[in-house]
N, C-alpha and C. Protein backbone atom coordinates (compact mmCIF):
# COMPACT_ATOMS: atom_id res chain seq x y z
N MET A 1 -15.97 -45.95 -85.99
CA MET A 1 -14.94 -45.05 -86.17
C MET A 1 -13.68 -45.55 -85.84
N SER A 2 -13.42 -46.26 -84.80
CA SER A 2 -12.35 -46.38 -84.23
C SER A 2 -11.73 -47.79 -84.87
N ARG A 3 -12.50 -48.50 -85.35
CA ARG A 3 -12.23 -49.63 -86.31
C ARG A 3 -11.41 -49.26 -87.48
N ALA A 4 -12.00 -47.92 -88.28
CA ALA A 4 -11.22 -47.67 -89.44
C ALA A 4 -9.91 -46.99 -89.16
N ARG A 5 -9.68 -46.34 -87.88
CA ARG A 5 -8.39 -45.72 -87.63
C ARG A 5 -7.52 -46.94 -87.54
N SER A 6 -7.68 -48.13 -86.77
CA SER A 6 -6.85 -49.07 -86.51
C SER A 6 -6.68 -49.82 -87.85
N ASN A 7 -7.51 -49.71 -88.75
CA ASN A 7 -7.19 -50.59 -90.15
C ASN A 7 -6.33 -49.65 -91.02
N GLY A 8 -6.68 -48.48 -90.73
CA GLY A 8 -5.81 -47.42 -91.82
C GLY A 8 -4.43 -47.79 -91.21
N ALA A 9 -4.17 -47.73 -89.64
CA ALA A 9 -2.91 -47.70 -89.27
C ALA A 9 -2.16 -49.11 -89.90
N GLY A 10 -2.91 -50.12 -89.80
CA GLY A 10 -2.44 -51.41 -90.10
C GLY A 10 -2.17 -51.19 -91.73
N GLU A 11 -2.73 -50.67 -92.39
CA GLU A 11 -2.54 -50.34 -94.05
C GLU A 11 -1.26 -49.52 -94.17
N GLN A 12 -1.07 -48.65 -93.31
CA GLN A 12 0.14 -47.85 -93.50
C GLN A 12 1.45 -48.66 -93.18
N TRP A 13 1.31 -49.61 -92.00
CA TRP A 13 2.54 -50.35 -91.93
C TRP A 13 2.80 -51.55 -93.02
N ALA A 14 1.59 -52.05 -93.55
CA ALA A 14 1.57 -52.89 -94.51
C ALA A 14 2.57 -52.38 -95.92
N GLU A 15 2.21 -51.02 -96.12
CA GLU A 15 2.84 -50.28 -97.14
C GLU A 15 4.21 -50.00 -96.88
N VAL A 16 4.50 -49.61 -95.81
CA VAL A 16 5.88 -49.55 -95.47
C VAL A 16 6.59 -50.68 -95.43
N LEU A 17 6.29 -51.69 -94.92
CA LEU A 17 7.05 -52.91 -95.19
C LEU A 17 7.09 -53.31 -96.50
N LEU A 18 5.98 -53.18 -97.44
CA LEU A 18 6.08 -53.41 -98.76
C LEU A 18 7.26 -52.75 -99.59
N GLY A 19 7.15 -51.30 -99.33
CA GLY A 19 8.38 -50.28 -99.36
C GLY A 19 9.62 -50.83 -99.48
N PHE A 20 10.22 -51.20 -98.07
CA PHE A 20 11.21 -51.86 -97.76
C PHE A 20 11.55 -53.11 -98.27
N GLY A 21 10.51 -53.98 -98.83
CA GLY A 21 10.89 -55.11 -99.44
C GLY A 21 11.07 -54.85 -100.99
N VAL A 22 10.51 -53.65 -101.41
CA VAL A 22 11.05 -53.31 -102.95
C VAL A 22 12.32 -52.85 -103.20
N ILE A 23 12.57 -52.19 -101.77
CA ILE A 23 13.92 -51.40 -101.90
C ILE A 23 14.94 -52.59 -101.74
N ALA A 24 14.85 -53.29 -100.89
CA ALA A 24 15.65 -54.70 -100.64
C ALA A 24 15.63 -55.37 -101.95
N ALA A 25 14.62 -55.78 -102.67
CA ALA A 25 14.90 -56.60 -103.82
C ALA A 25 15.80 -55.79 -104.92
N ALA A 26 15.28 -54.49 -104.93
CA ALA A 26 16.27 -53.61 -105.96
C ALA A 26 17.78 -53.64 -105.57
N ALA A 27 18.00 -53.67 -104.63
CA ALA A 27 19.40 -53.67 -103.85
C ALA A 27 20.26 -54.93 -104.39
N ALA A 28 19.23 -56.09 -104.11
CA ALA A 28 19.88 -57.36 -104.56
C ALA A 28 20.11 -57.55 -105.91
N PHE A 29 19.14 -57.05 -106.63
CA PHE A 29 19.33 -57.01 -108.13
C PHE A 29 20.49 -56.42 -108.63
N LEU A 30 20.51 -55.11 -108.16
CA LEU A 30 21.77 -54.20 -108.50
C LEU A 30 23.03 -54.90 -108.15
N THR A 31 23.17 -55.53 -106.86
CA THR A 31 24.25 -56.33 -106.12
C THR A 31 24.74 -57.53 -107.31
N TYR A 32 23.61 -58.27 -107.70
CA TYR A 32 23.76 -59.25 -108.60
C TYR A 32 24.22 -58.80 -109.89
N SER A 33 23.61 -57.76 -110.45
CA SER A 33 23.94 -57.40 -111.83
C SER A 33 25.38 -56.74 -112.12
N LEU A 34 25.92 -56.16 -110.69
CA LEU A 34 27.21 -55.80 -110.87
C LEU A 34 28.11 -56.76 -110.79
N SER A 35 27.80 -57.77 -109.99
CA SER A 35 28.75 -58.96 -109.83
C SER A 35 28.66 -59.67 -111.19
N ALA A 36 27.62 -60.06 -111.67
CA ALA A 36 27.67 -60.58 -112.94
C ALA A 36 28.24 -60.19 -114.16
N GLY A 37 28.32 -58.72 -114.00
CA GLY A 37 28.76 -58.00 -115.37
C GLY A 37 30.07 -57.92 -115.08
N GLY A 38 30.90 -58.03 -113.92
CA GLY A 38 32.30 -57.90 -113.79
C GLY A 38 32.61 -56.59 -113.33
N ALA A 39 31.69 -55.66 -112.84
CA ALA A 39 32.08 -54.37 -112.45
C ALA A 39 32.47 -54.19 -111.11
N GLY A 40 33.63 -53.38 -111.14
CA GLY A 40 34.40 -53.58 -109.74
C GLY A 40 35.51 -54.35 -109.55
N ARG A 41 35.88 -55.42 -110.38
CA ARG A 41 36.84 -56.12 -110.46
C ARG A 41 37.79 -55.89 -111.63
N ALA A 42 39.00 -56.02 -111.35
CA ALA A 42 39.77 -55.68 -112.40
C ALA A 42 40.17 -56.97 -113.30
N PRO A 43 39.70 -56.82 -114.41
CA PRO A 43 40.09 -58.24 -115.15
C PRO A 43 41.58 -58.71 -115.43
N ASP A 44 41.86 -59.83 -115.20
CA ASP A 44 43.16 -60.47 -115.38
C ASP A 44 43.72 -60.55 -116.81
N GLY A 45 44.84 -59.75 -117.32
CA GLY A 45 45.09 -59.63 -118.63
C GLY A 45 46.20 -58.67 -118.75
N TYR A 46 46.43 -58.23 -119.95
CA TYR A 46 47.29 -57.47 -120.38
C TYR A 46 46.72 -56.39 -121.27
N GLU A 47 47.40 -55.09 -121.22
CA GLU A 47 46.98 -54.16 -121.88
C GLU A 47 47.91 -53.70 -123.32
N VAL A 48 47.21 -53.16 -124.54
CA VAL A 48 47.95 -52.95 -125.23
C VAL A 48 47.17 -51.61 -125.94
N THR A 49 47.70 -51.03 -126.81
CA THR A 49 47.24 -50.02 -127.32
C THR A 49 46.82 -49.93 -128.65
N ALA A 50 46.09 -49.12 -129.36
CA ALA A 50 45.84 -48.92 -130.80
C ALA A 50 45.44 -47.62 -130.93
N LYS A 51 46.13 -46.97 -132.12
CA LYS A 51 45.83 -45.54 -132.54
C LYS A 51 44.75 -45.50 -133.31
N PHE A 52 43.71 -44.46 -133.39
CA PHE A 52 42.84 -44.25 -134.29
C PHE A 52 42.61 -43.04 -134.68
N GLY A 53 42.43 -42.48 -135.93
CA GLY A 53 41.89 -41.45 -136.44
C GLY A 53 40.69 -40.77 -135.79
N ASP A 54 39.68 -41.73 -135.66
CA ASP A 54 38.52 -41.53 -135.17
C ASP A 54 37.79 -42.47 -134.56
N VAL A 55 37.41 -42.32 -133.24
CA VAL A 55 36.94 -43.38 -132.11
C VAL A 55 35.54 -43.36 -132.13
N GLY A 56 34.86 -42.16 -132.84
CA GLY A 56 33.43 -42.38 -132.70
C GLY A 56 32.76 -42.49 -131.50
N SER A 57 31.69 -43.30 -131.23
CA SER A 57 31.38 -43.56 -129.73
C SER A 57 31.90 -44.48 -129.00
N LEU A 58 32.95 -44.83 -129.38
CA LEU A 58 33.67 -45.87 -128.46
C LEU A 58 33.94 -45.17 -126.84
N ALA A 59 33.74 -45.99 -126.03
CA ALA A 59 33.92 -45.40 -124.67
C ALA A 59 34.66 -46.53 -123.49
N PRO A 60 35.36 -45.83 -122.78
CA PRO A 60 35.87 -46.76 -121.97
C PRO A 60 34.86 -47.79 -121.19
N GLY A 61 35.19 -49.35 -121.40
CA GLY A 61 34.14 -50.36 -120.92
C GLY A 61 33.68 -51.06 -121.82
N SER A 62 33.66 -50.52 -123.32
CA SER A 62 33.27 -51.19 -124.52
C SER A 62 34.11 -52.27 -124.61
N ASN A 63 33.20 -53.43 -125.30
CA ASN A 63 33.99 -54.56 -125.72
C ASN A 63 34.94 -54.65 -126.68
N VAL A 64 36.18 -55.53 -126.30
CA VAL A 64 37.03 -55.99 -127.55
C VAL A 64 36.80 -57.27 -127.72
N SER A 65 36.27 -57.81 -129.22
CA SER A 65 36.09 -59.12 -129.50
C SER A 65 37.03 -59.62 -130.59
N VAL A 66 37.10 -60.84 -130.48
CA VAL A 66 37.80 -61.68 -131.74
C VAL A 66 36.92 -62.68 -132.07
N ALA A 67 36.43 -62.86 -133.49
CA ALA A 67 35.46 -63.53 -133.78
C ALA A 67 34.10 -63.56 -133.44
N GLY A 68 33.71 -62.50 -132.54
CA GLY A 68 32.45 -62.32 -132.02
C GLY A 68 32.51 -62.60 -130.73
N VAL A 69 33.57 -63.01 -130.13
CA VAL A 69 33.90 -63.44 -128.89
C VAL A 69 34.63 -62.40 -127.91
N LYS A 70 33.96 -61.84 -126.56
CA LYS A 70 34.48 -61.06 -125.93
C LYS A 70 35.88 -61.52 -125.42
N VAL A 71 36.85 -60.77 -125.50
CA VAL A 71 38.13 -60.98 -125.07
C VAL A 71 38.88 -59.90 -124.28
N GLY A 72 38.05 -58.80 -124.25
CA GLY A 72 38.63 -57.74 -123.18
C GLY A 72 37.70 -56.63 -123.31
N ALA A 73 38.38 -55.50 -122.89
CA ALA A 73 37.43 -54.15 -122.80
C ALA A 73 38.20 -52.97 -122.95
N VAL A 74 37.98 -51.93 -123.50
CA VAL A 74 38.43 -50.66 -123.32
C VAL A 74 38.82 -50.17 -122.20
N ALA A 75 39.86 -49.98 -121.90
CA ALA A 75 40.45 -49.51 -120.29
C ALA A 75 40.28 -47.86 -120.31
N ASP A 76 40.90 -47.34 -121.25
CA ASP A 76 40.95 -45.69 -121.26
C ASP A 76 40.97 -45.32 -122.81
N ILE A 77 40.64 -44.14 -123.09
CA ILE A 77 40.90 -43.53 -124.36
C ILE A 77 41.60 -42.12 -124.21
N THR A 78 42.67 -41.87 -124.89
CA THR A 78 43.39 -40.52 -124.59
C THR A 78 43.90 -40.02 -126.18
N LEU A 79 44.35 -38.78 -125.96
CA LEU A 79 44.36 -38.27 -127.21
C LEU A 79 46.17 -38.06 -127.23
N ASP A 80 46.77 -38.57 -128.38
CA ASP A 80 48.44 -38.24 -128.42
C ASP A 80 48.38 -37.00 -129.03
N PRO A 81 49.20 -36.05 -128.10
CA PRO A 81 49.17 -34.71 -128.18
C PRO A 81 50.22 -34.57 -129.55
N ALA A 82 51.06 -35.47 -129.82
CA ALA A 82 52.05 -35.04 -130.98
C ALA A 82 51.38 -35.42 -132.32
N SER A 83 50.46 -36.46 -132.50
CA SER A 83 50.10 -37.11 -133.69
C SER A 83 48.51 -36.66 -133.98
N TYR A 84 47.87 -36.31 -132.77
CA TYR A 84 46.59 -35.94 -132.77
C TYR A 84 45.56 -37.22 -132.92
N LEU A 85 45.98 -38.27 -132.81
CA LEU A 85 45.18 -39.38 -132.85
C LEU A 85 44.88 -39.84 -131.55
N ALA A 86 43.67 -40.57 -131.50
CA ALA A 86 43.10 -41.35 -130.26
C ALA A 86 43.66 -42.62 -130.07
N VAL A 87 44.24 -42.71 -128.69
CA VAL A 87 44.99 -43.75 -128.38
C VAL A 87 44.13 -44.47 -127.33
N ALA A 88 43.58 -45.90 -127.80
CA ALA A 88 42.70 -46.49 -127.11
C ALA A 88 43.60 -47.76 -126.30
N HIS A 89 43.34 -47.67 -125.09
CA HIS A 89 44.06 -48.67 -124.10
C HIS A 89 43.14 -49.93 -123.98
N LEU A 90 43.58 -51.11 -124.64
CA LEU A 90 42.66 -52.35 -124.67
C LEU A 90 43.16 -53.30 -123.56
N ARG A 91 42.22 -53.61 -122.66
CA ARG A 91 42.73 -54.83 -121.78
C ARG A 91 42.30 -56.09 -122.31
N ILE A 92 43.13 -56.94 -122.59
CA ILE A 92 42.74 -58.34 -123.03
C ILE A 92 43.37 -59.38 -122.16
N ASP A 93 42.34 -60.55 -122.41
CA ASP A 93 42.32 -61.46 -121.45
C ASP A 93 43.52 -62.15 -121.51
N SER A 94 44.23 -62.77 -120.51
CA SER A 94 45.65 -63.27 -120.24
C SER A 94 45.63 -64.42 -121.02
N LYS A 95 44.50 -65.21 -121.14
CA LYS A 95 44.35 -66.74 -121.91
C LYS A 95 44.38 -66.46 -123.53
N VAL A 96 44.13 -65.06 -123.88
CA VAL A 96 44.23 -64.81 -125.45
C VAL A 96 45.48 -64.28 -126.07
N LYS A 97 46.20 -65.08 -126.61
CA LYS A 97 47.47 -64.36 -127.13
C LYS A 97 47.19 -63.95 -128.68
N LEU A 98 47.47 -62.67 -129.04
CA LEU A 98 47.19 -62.07 -130.04
C LEU A 98 48.35 -61.99 -130.72
N PRO A 99 48.62 -62.22 -132.27
CA PRO A 99 49.72 -62.07 -133.13
C PRO A 99 50.23 -60.81 -133.07
N VAL A 100 51.33 -60.36 -133.32
CA VAL A 100 51.82 -58.74 -133.39
C VAL A 100 51.16 -57.99 -134.71
N ASP A 101 50.99 -59.01 -135.72
CA ASP A 101 50.30 -58.44 -137.11
C ASP A 101 48.72 -58.28 -136.87
N SER A 102 48.37 -58.38 -135.83
CA SER A 102 46.74 -58.27 -135.71
C SER A 102 46.17 -56.89 -136.19
N THR A 103 44.88 -57.23 -136.50
CA THR A 103 44.41 -55.48 -136.70
C THR A 103 43.15 -55.25 -135.88
N ALA A 104 42.95 -53.88 -135.45
CA ALA A 104 42.03 -53.60 -134.62
C ALA A 104 40.94 -52.56 -135.46
N LYS A 105 39.75 -53.02 -135.32
CA LYS A 105 38.76 -51.89 -135.99
C LYS A 105 37.60 -51.65 -135.31
N ILE A 106 37.14 -50.43 -135.13
CA ILE A 106 36.02 -49.93 -134.42
C ILE A 106 34.83 -50.09 -135.27
N THR A 107 33.72 -50.98 -134.93
CA THR A 107 32.39 -51.08 -135.51
C THR A 107 31.50 -50.63 -134.42
N SER A 108 30.61 -50.31 -135.36
CA SER A 108 29.10 -49.79 -134.43
C SER A 108 28.37 -50.95 -134.15
N ASP A 109 27.76 -50.70 -132.82
CA ASP A 109 26.97 -51.62 -132.32
C ASP A 109 25.42 -51.69 -132.91
N SER A 110 25.02 -50.78 -133.34
CA SER A 110 23.73 -50.16 -134.01
C SER A 110 23.95 -49.02 -134.69
N LEU A 111 22.74 -48.78 -135.34
CA LEU A 111 22.57 -47.42 -135.94
C LEU A 111 22.40 -46.17 -135.04
N LEU A 112 21.87 -46.74 -133.93
CA LEU A 112 21.53 -45.60 -132.63
C LEU A 112 22.90 -45.11 -132.00
N GLY A 113 24.00 -45.85 -131.91
CA GLY A 113 25.20 -45.58 -131.61
C GLY A 113 25.89 -46.87 -130.67
N GLY A 114 26.92 -46.42 -130.00
CA GLY A 114 27.69 -47.49 -129.29
C GLY A 114 28.49 -48.06 -130.52
N ALA A 115 29.85 -48.51 -129.72
CA ALA A 115 30.72 -49.14 -130.68
C ALA A 115 31.57 -50.23 -129.74
N HIS A 116 32.35 -50.97 -130.46
CA HIS A 116 33.45 -51.73 -129.82
C HIS A 116 34.43 -52.22 -130.61
N VAL A 117 35.67 -52.63 -130.16
CA VAL A 117 36.45 -52.87 -130.99
C VAL A 117 36.69 -54.50 -131.43
N VAL A 118 37.03 -54.80 -132.76
CA VAL A 118 36.99 -56.07 -133.38
C VAL A 118 38.59 -56.43 -133.70
N ILE A 119 39.13 -57.24 -133.18
CA ILE A 119 40.40 -57.50 -133.64
C ILE A 119 40.37 -58.87 -134.57
N SER A 120 41.30 -58.59 -135.45
CA SER A 120 41.16 -59.65 -136.51
C SER A 120 42.53 -59.97 -136.35
N PRO A 121 43.14 -61.58 -136.01
CA PRO A 121 44.31 -61.99 -135.53
C PRO A 121 44.99 -61.95 -137.03
N GLY A 122 46.41 -61.84 -136.85
CA GLY A 122 47.17 -61.82 -138.15
C GLY A 122 47.89 -63.37 -138.07
N GLY A 123 48.88 -63.61 -138.78
CA GLY A 123 49.45 -65.07 -138.97
C GLY A 123 50.77 -64.94 -138.41
N ALA A 124 51.18 -63.96 -137.59
CA ALA A 124 52.67 -64.04 -137.48
C ALA A 124 52.79 -65.11 -135.86
N ALA A 125 53.71 -65.55 -135.86
CA ALA A 125 54.18 -66.53 -134.52
C ALA A 125 54.69 -65.82 -133.30
N GLU A 126 54.91 -64.46 -133.22
CA GLU A 126 55.15 -63.75 -132.30
C GLU A 126 53.99 -63.17 -131.84
N SER A 127 53.65 -63.06 -130.27
CA SER A 127 52.36 -62.44 -129.80
C SER A 127 52.70 -61.08 -129.29
N LEU A 128 51.50 -60.28 -129.15
CA LEU A 128 51.65 -58.97 -128.42
C LEU A 128 52.02 -59.00 -126.93
N LYS A 129 52.75 -58.15 -126.55
CA LYS A 129 53.06 -58.49 -125.13
C LYS A 129 52.58 -57.05 -124.36
N ALA A 130 52.16 -57.03 -123.20
CA ALA A 130 51.91 -55.93 -122.33
C ALA A 130 52.61 -54.77 -122.81
N GLY A 131 51.81 -53.67 -123.19
CA GLY A 131 52.46 -52.41 -123.42
C GLY A 131 52.67 -52.21 -125.07
N SER A 132 52.39 -53.27 -125.95
CA SER A 132 52.33 -53.42 -127.23
C SER A 132 51.45 -52.39 -127.90
N GLN A 133 51.74 -52.14 -128.98
CA GLN A 133 50.78 -51.29 -129.80
C GLN A 133 50.34 -52.14 -131.08
N ILE A 134 48.84 -52.25 -131.34
CA ILE A 134 48.57 -52.85 -132.66
C ILE A 134 48.81 -51.66 -133.83
N GLU A 135 49.76 -52.25 -134.56
CA GLU A 135 50.03 -51.17 -135.69
C GLU A 135 48.96 -51.01 -136.88
N ASN A 136 48.24 -52.05 -136.94
CA ASN A 136 47.23 -51.88 -137.82
C ASN A 136 46.01 -51.61 -137.57
N ALA A 137 45.42 -50.36 -137.53
CA ALA A 137 44.07 -49.94 -136.83
C ALA A 137 43.23 -49.02 -137.73
N GLN A 138 41.99 -49.40 -137.61
CA GLN A 138 41.00 -48.65 -138.70
C GLN A 138 39.94 -48.07 -137.58
N GLY A 139 39.75 -46.79 -138.01
CA GLY A 139 38.82 -45.93 -136.90
C GLY A 139 37.42 -46.20 -137.43
N ALA A 140 36.23 -45.49 -136.59
CA ALA A 140 35.32 -45.61 -136.71
C ALA A 140 34.66 -45.02 -137.84
N VAL A 141 33.47 -45.51 -138.58
CA VAL A 141 33.12 -44.97 -139.88
C VAL A 141 31.78 -44.27 -139.53
N ASP A 142 31.97 -42.97 -139.74
CA ASP A 142 30.53 -42.04 -139.54
C ASP A 142 29.56 -42.41 -140.58
N LEU A 143 28.59 -43.15 -140.35
CA LEU A 143 27.57 -43.70 -141.03
C LEU A 143 26.68 -42.42 -141.85
N PHE A 144 26.54 -41.42 -140.74
CA PHE A 144 25.62 -40.16 -141.25
C PHE A 144 26.43 -39.45 -142.18
N GLY A 145 27.85 -39.39 -141.85
CA GLY A 145 28.77 -38.68 -142.84
C GLY A 145 28.67 -39.37 -144.18
N LEU A 146 28.82 -40.60 -144.10
CA LEU A 146 28.68 -41.22 -145.53
C LEU A 146 27.28 -40.88 -146.26
N ILE A 147 26.35 -40.95 -145.49
CA ILE A 147 24.97 -40.84 -146.21
C ILE A 147 25.12 -39.36 -146.60
N GLY A 148 25.38 -38.38 -145.81
CA GLY A 148 25.38 -37.12 -146.30
C GLY A 148 26.31 -36.85 -147.47
N GLN A 149 27.62 -37.42 -147.61
CA GLN A 149 28.38 -37.41 -149.11
C GLN A 149 27.90 -37.92 -150.10
N PHE A 150 26.92 -39.07 -149.90
CA PHE A 150 26.07 -39.44 -150.98
C PHE A 150 25.14 -38.72 -151.59
N LEU A 151 24.50 -38.18 -150.63
CA LEU A 151 23.41 -36.84 -150.89
C LEU A 151 23.84 -35.72 -151.22
N ARG A 152 24.71 -35.16 -151.06
CA ARG A 152 25.34 -33.76 -151.26
C ARG A 152 25.60 -33.65 -152.68
N PRO A 153 26.78 -34.47 -153.36
CA PRO A 153 26.92 -34.19 -154.70
C PRO A 153 25.57 -34.18 -155.65
N GLN A 154 24.69 -35.01 -155.38
CA GLN A 154 23.42 -35.23 -156.35
C GLN A 154 22.89 -33.68 -156.45
N SER A 155 22.70 -33.08 -155.17
CA SER A 155 22.13 -31.73 -155.37
C SER A 155 22.92 -30.44 -155.52
N GLY A 156 24.12 -31.00 -155.02
CA GLY A 156 25.38 -29.65 -155.40
C GLY A 156 25.68 -29.44 -156.72
N ALA A 157 25.58 -30.60 -157.41
CA ALA A 157 26.41 -30.73 -158.78
C ALA A 157 25.52 -30.07 -159.83
N GLY A 158 24.12 -30.25 -159.52
CA GLY A 158 23.36 -29.62 -160.36
C GLY A 158 23.18 -28.19 -160.02
N SER A 159 23.35 -27.57 -158.85
CA SER A 159 23.15 -26.02 -158.62
C SER A 159 24.45 -25.32 -159.22
N ALA A 160 25.76 -26.31 -159.15
CA ALA A 160 26.62 -25.61 -159.35
C ALA A 160 26.85 -25.47 -160.95
N ALA A 161 26.63 -26.36 -161.65
CA ALA A 161 26.52 -26.50 -163.01
C ALA A 161 25.44 -25.27 -163.48
N ALA A 162 24.50 -24.95 -162.94
CA ALA A 162 23.46 -24.01 -163.27
C ALA A 162 24.01 -22.41 -163.06
N ALA A 163 25.00 -22.42 -161.94
CA ALA A 163 25.44 -20.92 -161.70
C ALA A 163 26.47 -20.83 -162.45
N THR A 164 27.51 -21.64 -163.13
CA THR A 164 28.45 -21.34 -164.06
C THR A 164 28.65 -22.39 -164.95
N PRO A 165 28.60 -21.65 -166.52
CA PRO A 165 28.69 -22.55 -167.52
C PRO A 165 29.87 -23.35 -167.59
N ALA A 166 29.87 -24.54 -168.37
CA ALA A 166 31.21 -25.08 -168.40
C ALA A 166 32.17 -24.17 -169.11
N ASP A 167 31.64 -23.94 -170.17
CA ASP A 167 32.69 -23.45 -171.55
C ASP A 167 33.02 -21.81 -171.14
N GLY A 168 32.07 -21.15 -170.55
CA GLY A 168 32.05 -19.53 -170.25
C GLY A 168 32.79 -19.20 -169.07
N PRO A 169 33.34 -17.99 -168.95
CA PRO A 169 33.79 -17.58 -167.85
C PRO A 169 32.98 -17.42 -166.65
N ALA A 170 33.56 -17.52 -165.34
CA ALA A 170 32.82 -17.66 -164.27
C ALA A 170 32.36 -16.21 -163.84
N ASP A 171 33.03 -15.26 -163.98
CA ASP A 171 32.76 -13.88 -163.65
C ASP A 171 31.49 -13.09 -164.57
N GLY A 172 30.54 -12.64 -164.12
CA GLY A 172 29.50 -12.10 -164.90
C GLY A 172 30.41 -10.79 -165.62
N ALA A 173 31.18 -10.00 -164.97
CA ALA A 173 31.63 -8.98 -165.59
C ALA A 173 32.77 -9.13 -166.86
N ALA A 174 33.34 -10.43 -166.58
CA ALA A 174 34.31 -10.63 -167.42
C ALA A 174 33.26 -11.41 -169.03
N ALA A 175 32.26 -11.81 -168.61
CA ALA A 175 31.30 -12.35 -169.53
C ALA A 175 30.93 -11.27 -170.49
N GLY A 176 30.29 -9.98 -169.71
CA GLY A 176 29.79 -8.71 -170.48
C GLY A 176 31.10 -8.06 -171.34
N GLY A 177 32.19 -8.15 -170.77
CA GLY A 177 33.30 -7.64 -171.45
C GLY A 177 33.65 -8.09 -172.62
N ALA A 178 33.34 -9.70 -172.66
CA ALA A 178 33.95 -10.72 -173.65
C ALA A 178 32.81 -10.40 -174.98
N SER A 179 31.52 -10.33 -174.46
CA SER A 179 30.70 -10.18 -175.62
C SER A 179 30.55 -8.69 -176.38
N LYS A 180 31.04 -7.89 -175.87
CA LYS A 180 31.23 -6.41 -176.53
C LYS A 180 32.10 -6.35 -177.50
């Protein structure tokens, strides 16, 4: 009987040590992923803004890319109280010089959500400077809203045409008075 107790105590210590090992491995993985992802360090670069009518699911930390290459990140998104437009503050890598006539567009990462900013460089010789605004900006497209607009006219047009004849009055009382 004493042998079972000592063996049980040894198994408990082994489980405790294994638990500490798992926790240490998780901490090491977390540290590596944060350092590889660039979290916690301010990117070297300059900030520009772009005003959008709708940012959709764009969030701080979302990628900013040119030709599919990440060149920055969304630093912050605020609301302009005068125009009620969303102002996206974009942090661009200092090695990337964007022409002043560049265009910013919000695109979806997938159907399930997520968004990023795609910048199409213009042809101007002058480059955007820190604090500049990208004048040409296209907001996010609501895919489900577009699908709804496509489907609603088909079902709504038939019911509206049946409810009111095209050549007669819409009001029933007026129709009754006109036939007398």
